[in-house]
Amino acid sequence: MRKLFVALFMMGLVSTAFVSCRETAGDKMEDAADDAGDAVEDAVD
């Protein structure tokens, strides 16, 4: 029983490590929008 809990805990740690480091499509779109806004500001200056 104890080994089961330890195994589940370790799988949870590993899965959160991989999921939290992944960049999502929303992050990429936000970065692209920021870059476009910076380009417009640079063009105005």
C-alpha atoms as a PDB file:
ATOM      1  CA  MET A   1       0.000   0.000   0.000  1.00  0.00           C
ATOM      2  CA  ARG A   2       2.817   2.385   0.863  1.00  0.00           C
ATOM      3  CA  LYS A   3       4.619   1.660  -2.409  1.00  0.00           C
ATOM      4  CA  LEU A   4       1.426   2.508  -4.296  1.00  0.00           C
ATOM      5  CA  PHE A   5       1.233   5.964  -2.703  1.00  0.00           C
ATOM      6  CA  VAL A   6       4.919   6.615  -3.325  1.00  0.00           C
ATOM      7  CA  ALA A   7       4.557   5.549  -6.960  1.00  0.00           C
ATOM      8  CA  LEU A   8       1.521   7.792  -7.480  1.00  0.00           C
ATOM      9  CA  PHE A   9       3.290  10.709  -5.822  1.00  0.00           C
ATOM     10  CA  MET A  10       6.353  10.289  -8.044  1.00  0.00           C
ATOM     11  CA  MET A  11       4.212  10.071 -11.188  1.00  0.00           C
ATOM     12  CA  GLY A  12       2.458  13.276 -10.137  1.00  0.00           C
ATOM     13  CA  LEU A  13       5.767  15.079  -9.682  1.00  0.00           C
ATOM     14  CA  VAL A  14       7.077  13.956 -13.051  1.00  0.00           C
ATOM     15  CA  SER A  15       3.869  14.850 -14.899  1.00  0.00           C
ATOM     16  CA  THR A  16       3.702  18.360 -13.425  1.00  0.00           C
ATOM     17  CA  ALA A  17       7.333  18.964 -14.323  1.00  0.00           C
ATOM     18  CA  PHE A  18       6.657  18.211 -17.985  1.00  0.00           C
ATOM     19  CA  VAL A  19       3.351  20.078 -18.197  1.00  0.00           C
ATOM     20  CA  SER A  20       4.524  23.245 -16.446  1.00  0.00           C
ATOM     21  CA  CYS A  21       7.536  23.708 -18.751  1.00  0.00           C
ATOM     22  CA  ARG A  22       5.611  23.362 -21.992  1.00  0.00           C
ATOM     23  CA  GLU A  23       4.862  26.531 -23.954  1.00  0.00           C
ATOM     24  CA  THR A  24       1.282  26.755 -25.183  1.00  0.00           C
ATOM     25  CA  ALA A  25      -0.109  28.211 -28.396  1.00  0.00           C
ATOM     26  CA  GLY A  26      -1.599  31.073 -26.391  1.00  0.00           C
ATOM     27  CA  ASP A  27       1.869  32.032 -25.176  1.00  0.00           C
ATOM     28  CA  LYS A  28       3.167  32.045 -28.744  1.00  0.00           C
ATOM     29  CA  MET A  29       0.272  34.216 -29.933  1.00  0.00           C
ATOM     30  CA  GLU A  30       0.817  36.640 -27.067  1.00  0.00           C
ATOM     31  CA  ASP A  31       4.513  36.903 -27.910  1.00  0.00           C
ATOM     32  CA  ALA A  32       3.694  37.542 -31.569  1.00  0.00           C
ATOM     33  CA  ALA A  33       1.213  40.270 -30.623  1.00  0.00           C
ATOM     34  CA  ASP A  34       3.801  41.908 -28.358  1.00  0.00           C
ATOM     35  CA  ASP A  35       6.392  41.792 -31.132  1.00  0.00           C
ATOM     36  CA  ALA A  36       3.936  43.358 -33.592  1.00  0.00           C
ATOM     37  CA  GLY A  37       3.134  46.115 -31.097  1.00  0.00           C
ATOM     38  CA  ASP A  38       6.816  46.809 -30.555  1.00  0.00           C
ATOM     39  CA  ALA A  39       7.380  46.985 -34.315  1.00  0.00           C
ATOM     40  CA  VAL A  40       4.565  49.532 -34.691  1.00  0.00           C
ATOM     41  CA  GLU A  41       5.985  51.636 -31.852  1.00  0.00           C
ATOM     42  CA  ASP A  42       9.432  51.523 -33.438  1.00  0.00           C
ATOM     43  CA  ALA A  43       7.998  52.559 -36.802  1.00  0.00           C
ATOM     44  CA  VAL A  44       6.261  55.551 -35.202  1.00  0.00           C
ATOM     45  CA  ASP A  45       9.498  56.687 -33.538  1.00  0.00           C
END
